[in-house]
Amino acid sequence: MEIEENLSFEAAHEKLEKILTAMNSGKLSLEESLSLFEKAEKLMRRLEKELKTAEQKIEAILKGSNGELALDSQKKPRLAPFTEQEF
């Protein structure tokens, strides 16, 4: 199972799930388990990086015109439903 760099987020996540299922099966040798562990670690790092990038994009969208994140009274990002005008 090679880790392709051009996999979509969803495909990479699915590959990670398959690796974890195989590792949890208890049917792999130590060498196979170590190899899959390394691949799983690479996939997790990649997925985490992509999630962080998406989070940063969302935060940029939620920021007001003054560059500050719009927060509610509980210091959480203010949420509002989209209107048709925003599309």
Foldseek 3Di string as FASTA:
>chain_A
DDDDPPDDLVRLVVVLVVLVVVLVPPPDDPVSNVVSVVSNVVSVVVNVVVVVVVVVVVQQVQADPVRHFCADPVRHGDDDDDDPVVD
